[in-house]
Amino acid sequence: MTEKTLETVKSCMDYVAKLNETEGVEQKGGKKYTQVVHRMEAFRKYFGFEYTVMTEIVVDTTSRVVMVAKILNREGMIVGTGHAEEIRGQGYVNKTSALENCETSAIGRALSAIGLSGGEYASANEMDGVERKSNAMAEQVKQANVKK
């Protein structure tokens, strides 16, 4: 990584930290979280199209979706990755938009991997989703056992 790139990363990280103060969404416990939309805008502002974000569906079934997001430099080298999983139908957003929600979460995690975390590595939705996903998985196991 060149000195110029390091300076750009640092400037972008500082900008995202300031965004956290002005645009951050308050989470449980009072900490703020900078949404992916604002972090992506900062990413584009500082890196333009020299770096790109690519997403890929890893799993897409009737019950869940898993995605990976990769941030690549202009040479095609992966500089950050993020994975996400959503359970279809669980929670308000995933009733209609599990794939889109999963992609956004994966991008957010990839941005966090390069230092643009926006206050927390995991989003508020991810933290709230832990119990929701655990319950959904337990229900799937229960239903599978009933079928046997």
C-alpha atoms as a PDB file:
ATOM      1  CA  MET A   1       0.000   0.000   0.000  1.00  0.00           C
ATOM      2  CA  THR A   2       1.401   3.385  -0.960  1.00  0.00           C
ATOM      3  CA  GLU A   3       1.796   6.307   1.419  1.00  0.00           C
ATOM      4  CA  LYS A   4      -0.857   8.198  -0.571  1.00  0.00           C
ATOM      5  CA  THR A   5      -3.308   5.301  -0.166  1.00  0.00           C
ATOM      6  CA  LEU A   6      -2.639   5.183   3.575  1.00  0.00           C
ATOM      7  CA  GLU A   7      -3.330   8.919   3.800  1.00  0.00           C
ATOM      8  CA  THR A   8      -6.580   8.440   1.873  1.00  0.00           C
ATOM      9  CA  VAL A   9      -7.660   5.599   4.168  1.00  0.00           C
ATOM     10  CA  LYS A  10      -6.890   7.694   7.254  1.00  0.00           C
ATOM     11  CA  SER A  11      -8.773  10.706   5.858  1.00  0.00           C
ATOM     12  CA  CYS A  12     -11.760   8.512   5.008  1.00  0.00           C
ATOM     13  CA  MET A  13     -11.714   6.933   8.479  1.00  0.00           C
ATOM     14  CA  ASP A  14     -11.665  10.413  10.057  1.00  0.00           C
ATOM     15  CA  TYR A  15     -14.556  11.483   7.826  1.00  0.00           C
ATOM     16  CA  VAL A  16     -16.609   8.413   8.806  1.00  0.00           C
ATOM     17  CA  ALA A  17     -15.884   9.139  12.489  1.00  0.00           C
ATOM     18  CA  LYS A  18     -17.282  12.661  11.998  1.00  0.00           C
ATOM     19  CA  LEU A  19     -20.290  11.220  10.157  1.00  0.00           C
ATOM     20  CA  ASN A  20     -20.862   8.997  13.166  1.00  0.00           C
ATOM     21  CA  GLU A  21     -21.295  12.109  15.310  1.00  0.00           C
ATOM     22  CA  THR A  22     -23.709  13.826  12.909  1.00  0.00           C
ATOM     23  CA  GLU A  23     -25.486  10.961  11.126  1.00  0.00           C
ATOM     24  CA  GLY A  24     -25.019   8.068  13.569  1.00  0.00           C
ATOM     25  CA  VAL A  25     -28.095   6.157  14.638  1.00  0.00           C
ATOM     26  CA  GLU A  26     -28.264   5.602  18.373  1.00  0.00           C
ATOM     27  CA  GLN A  27     -28.222   1.950  19.413  1.00  0.00           C
ATOM     28  CA  LYS A  28     -29.129   0.219  22.626  1.00  0.00           C
ATOM     29  CA  GLY A  29     -26.707   1.423  25.262  1.00  0.00           C
ATOM     30  CA  GLY A  30     -26.341   4.846  23.638  1.00  0.00           C
ATOM     31  CA  LYS A  31     -23.546   4.104  21.136  1.00  0.00           C
ATOM     32  CA  LYS A  32     -23.981   5.455  17.641  1.00  0.00           C
ATOM     33  CA  TYR A  33     -23.773   3.471  14.417  1.00  0.00           C
ATOM     34  CA  THR A  34     -23.092   5.015  11.004  1.00  0.00           C
ATOM     35  CA  GLN A  35     -25.312   3.358   8.431  1.00  0.00           C
ATOM     36  CA  VAL A  36     -23.863   1.616   5.401  1.00  0.00           C
ATOM     37  CA  VAL A  37     -25.328   4.212   3.034  1.00  0.00           C
ATOM     38  CA  HIS A  38     -23.246   6.974   4.656  1.00  0.00           C
ATOM     39  CA  ARG A  39     -20.097   4.845   4.859  1.00  0.00           C
ATOM     40  CA  MET A  40     -20.461   3.891   1.191  1.00  0.00           C
ATOM     41  CA  GLU A  41     -20.834   7.565   0.261  1.00  0.00           C
ATOM     42  CA  ALA A  42     -17.614   8.295   2.190  1.00  0.00           C
ATOM     43  CA  PHE A  43     -15.895   5.378   0.467  1.00  0.00           C
ATOM     44  CA  ARG A  44     -16.817   6.761  -2.972  1.00  0.00           C
ATOM     45  CA  LYS A  45     -15.903  10.326  -1.961  1.00  0.00           C
ATOM     46  CA  TYR A  46     -12.374   9.299  -0.987  1.00  0.00           C
ATOM     47  CA  PHE A  47     -11.678   6.357  -3.292  1.00  0.00           C
ATOM     48  CA  GLY A  48     -13.810   7.174  -6.316  1.00  0.00           C
ATOM     49  CA  PHE A  49     -13.834   4.211  -8.643  1.00  0.00           C
ATOM     50  CA  GLU A  50     -10.227   3.170  -8.046  1.00  0.00           C
ATOM     51  CA  TYR A  51     -11.643   0.649  -5.585  1.00  0.00           C
ATOM     52  CA  THR A  52     -14.778  -1.350  -6.154  1.00  0.00           C
ATOM     53  CA  VAL A  53     -17.255  -3.359  -4.098  1.00  0.00           C
ATOM     54  CA  MET A  54     -18.426  -6.663  -5.515  1.00  0.00           C
ATOM     55  CA  THR A  55     -21.105  -8.850  -3.957  1.00  0.00           C
ATOM     56  CA  GLU A  56     -21.908 -12.489  -4.513  1.00  0.00           C
ATOM     57  CA  ILE A  57     -24.743 -14.715  -3.361  1.00  0.00           C
ATOM     58  CA  VAL A  58     -23.263 -17.706  -1.551  1.00  0.00           C
ATOM     59  CA  VAL A  59     -26.524 -19.379  -0.448  1.00  0.00           C
ATOM     60  CA  ASP A  60     -30.050 -18.581  -1.625  1.00  0.00           C
ATOM     61  CA  THR A  61     -32.760 -20.942  -0.424  1.00  0.00           C
ATOM     62  CA  THR A  62     -36.376 -20.543   0.570  1.00  0.00           C
ATOM     63  CA  SER A  63     -35.260 -20.199   4.193  1.00  0.00           C
ATOM     64  CA  ARG A  64     -32.048 -18.162   4.156  1.00  0.00           C
ATOM     65  CA  VAL A  65     -29.585 -16.139   2.139  1.00  0.00           C
ATOM     66  CA  VAL A  66     -25.829 -15.737   2.616  1.00  0.00           C
ATOM     67  CA  MET A  67     -23.737 -13.152   0.784  1.00  0.00           C
ATOM     68  CA  VAL A  68     -20.133 -12.063   0.577  1.00  0.00           C
ATOM     69  CA  ALA A  69     -18.938  -8.572  -0.296  1.00  0.00           C
ATOM     70  CA  LYS A  70     -15.392  -7.928  -1.470  1.00  0.00           C
ATOM     71  CA  ILE A  71     -13.569  -4.638  -1.765  1.00  0.00           C
ATOM     72  CA  LEU A  72     -10.970  -4.750  -4.524  1.00  0.00           C
ATOM     73  CA  ASN A  73      -8.267  -2.301  -5.517  1.00  0.00           C
ATOM     74  CA  ARG A  74      -7.678  -1.318  -9.137  1.00  0.00           C
ATOM     75  CA  GLU A  75      -5.339  -4.311  -9.626  1.00  0.00           C
ATOM     76  CA  GLY A  76      -8.135  -6.648  -8.536  1.00  0.00           C
ATOM     77  CA  MET A  77      -6.574  -7.526  -5.175  1.00  0.00           C
ATOM     78  CA  ILE A  78      -9.087  -8.107  -2.390  1.00  0.00           C
ATOM     79  CA  VAL A  79      -8.449  -5.619   0.425  1.00  0.00           C
ATOM     80  CA  GLY A  80     -11.524  -6.344   2.539  1.00  0.00           C
ATOM     81  CA  THR A  81     -14.343  -8.870   2.782  1.00  0.00           C
ATOM     82  CA  GLY A  82     -17.562  -9.220   4.699  1.00  0.00           C
ATOM     83  CA  HIS A  83     -20.142 -11.976   4.972  1.00  0.00           C
ATOM     84  CA  ALA A  84     -23.753 -11.801   6.069  1.00  0.00           C
ATOM     85  CA  GLU A  85     -26.656 -14.163   6.569  1.00  0.00           C
ATOM     86  CA  GLU A  86     -30.357 -13.434   6.799  1.00  0.00           C
ATOM     87  CA  ILE A  87     -33.281 -15.715   7.552  1.00  0.00           C
ATOM     88  CA  ARG A  88     -36.142 -15.154   5.118  1.00  0.00           C
ATOM     89  CA  GLY A  89     -39.344 -13.969   6.737  1.00  0.00           C
ATOM     90  CA  GLN A  90     -37.740 -13.207  10.095  1.00  0.00           C
ATOM     91  CA  GLY A  91     -38.150  -9.591  11.118  1.00  0.00           C
ATOM     92  CA  TYR A  92     -39.854  -6.750   9.313  1.00  0.00           C
ATOM     93  CA  VAL A  93     -37.303  -6.180   6.524  1.00  0.00           C
ATOM     94  CA  ASN A  94     -36.649  -9.851   5.765  1.00  0.00           C
ATOM     95  CA  LYS A  95     -40.312 -10.520   5.050  1.00  0.00           C
ATOM     96  CA  THR A  96     -39.897  -8.775   1.692  1.00  0.00           C
ATOM     97  CA  SER A  97     -36.213  -7.910   1.234  1.00  0.00           C
ATOM     98  CA  ALA A  98     -33.935 -10.521   2.810  1.00  0.00           C
ATOM     99  CA  LEU A  99     -31.554 -10.579  -0.157  1.00  0.00           C
ATOM    100  CA  GLU A 100     -31.154  -6.794  -0.260  1.00  0.00           C
ATOM    101  CA  ASN A 101     -30.774  -6.597   3.512  1.00  0.00           C
ATOM    102  CA  CYS A 102     -28.148  -9.327   3.431  1.00  0.00           C
ATOM    103  CA  GLU A 103     -26.194  -7.585   0.668  1.00  0.00           C
ATOM    104  CA  THR A 104     -26.179  -4.309   2.598  1.00  0.00           C
ATOM    105  CA  SER A 105     -24.956  -6.080   5.735  1.00  0.00           C
ATOM    106  CA  ALA A 106     -22.170  -7.820   3.810  1.00  0.00           C
ATOM    107  CA  ILE A 107     -21.067  -4.499   2.294  1.00  0.00           C
ATOM    108  CA  GLY A 108     -21.107  -2.893   5.722  1.00  0.00           C
ATOM    109  CA  ARG A 109     -18.917  -5.636   7.120  1.00  0.00           C
ATOM    110  CA  ALA A 110     -16.486  -5.324   4.186  1.00  0.00           C
ATOM    111  CA  LEU A 111     -16.257  -1.584   4.800  1.00  0.00           C
ATOM    112  CA  SER A 112     -15.602  -2.314   8.475  1.00  0.00           C
ATOM    113  CA  ALA A 113     -12.809  -4.674   7.451  1.00  0.00           C
ATOM    114  CA  ILE A 114     -10.946  -1.764   5.852  1.00  0.00           C
ATOM    115  CA  GLY A 115     -11.487   0.510   8.862  1.00  0.00           C
ATOM    116  CA  LEU A 116     -14.758   2.186   7.942  1.00  0.00           C
ATOM    117  CA  SER A 117     -16.780   0.689  10.766  1.00  0.00           C
ATOM    118  CA  GLY A 118     -18.948   3.620  11.720  1.00  0.00           C
ATOM    119  CA  GLY A 119     -18.822   2.914  15.444  1.00  0.00           C
ATOM    120  CA  GLU A 120     -19.476  -0.830  15.519  1.00  0.00           C
ATOM    121  CA  TYR A 121     -18.353  -3.736  13.377  1.00  0.00           C
ATOM    122  CA  ALA A 122     -21.764  -5.397  13.616  1.00  0.00           C
ATOM    123  CA  SER A 123     -24.809  -3.283  12.790  1.00  0.00           C
ATOM    124  CA  ALA A 124     -27.718  -2.723  15.143  1.00  0.00           C
ATOM    125  CA  ASN A 125     -29.814  -4.970  12.884  1.00  0.00           C
ATOM    126  CA  GLU A 126     -27.221  -7.741  13.141  1.00  0.00           C
ATOM    127  CA  MET A 127     -27.165  -7.528  16.924  1.00  0.00           C
ATOM    128  CA  ASP A 128     -30.969  -7.538  17.102  1.00  0.00           C
ATOM    129  CA  GLY A 129     -30.994 -10.430  14.656  1.00  0.00           C
ATOM    130  CA  VAL A 130     -28.974 -12.803  16.832  1.00  0.00           C
ATOM    131  CA  GLU A 131     -31.970 -13.843  18.936  1.00  0.00           C
ATOM    132  CA  ARG A 132     -34.277 -13.808  15.904  1.00  0.00           C
ATOM    133  CA  LYS A 133     -31.931 -16.068  13.898  1.00  0.00           C
ATOM    134  CA  SER A 134     -31.368 -18.401  16.836  1.00  0.00           C
ATOM    135  CA  ASN A 135     -35.112 -18.831  17.270  1.00  0.00           C
ATOM    136  CA  ALA A 136     -35.641 -19.434  13.552  1.00  0.00           C
ATOM    137  CA  MET A 137     -32.870 -22.037  13.431  1.00  0.00           C
ATOM    138  CA  ALA A 138     -34.261 -23.824  16.489  1.00  0.00           C
ATOM    139  CA  GLU A 139     -37.678 -23.902  14.822  1.00  0.00           C
ATOM    140  CA  GLN A 140     -36.176 -25.399  11.634  1.00  0.00           C
ATOM    141  CA  VAL A 141     -34.493 -28.146  13.651  1.00  0.00           C
ATOM    142  CA  LYS A 142     -37.728 -28.795  15.521  1.00  0.00           C
ATOM    143  CA  GLN A 143     -39.670 -29.099  12.244  1.00  0.00           C
ATOM    144  CA  ALA A 144     -37.023 -31.384  10.740  1.00  0.00           C
ATOM    145  CA  ASN A 145     -37.241 -33.675  13.774  1.00  0.00           C
ATOM    146  CA  VAL A 146     -41.040 -33.805  13.480  1.00  0.00           C
ATOM    147  CA  LYS A 147     -40.755 -34.880   9.816  1.00  0.00           C
ATOM    148  CA  LYS A 148     -38.451 -37.778  10.789  1.00  0.00           C
END
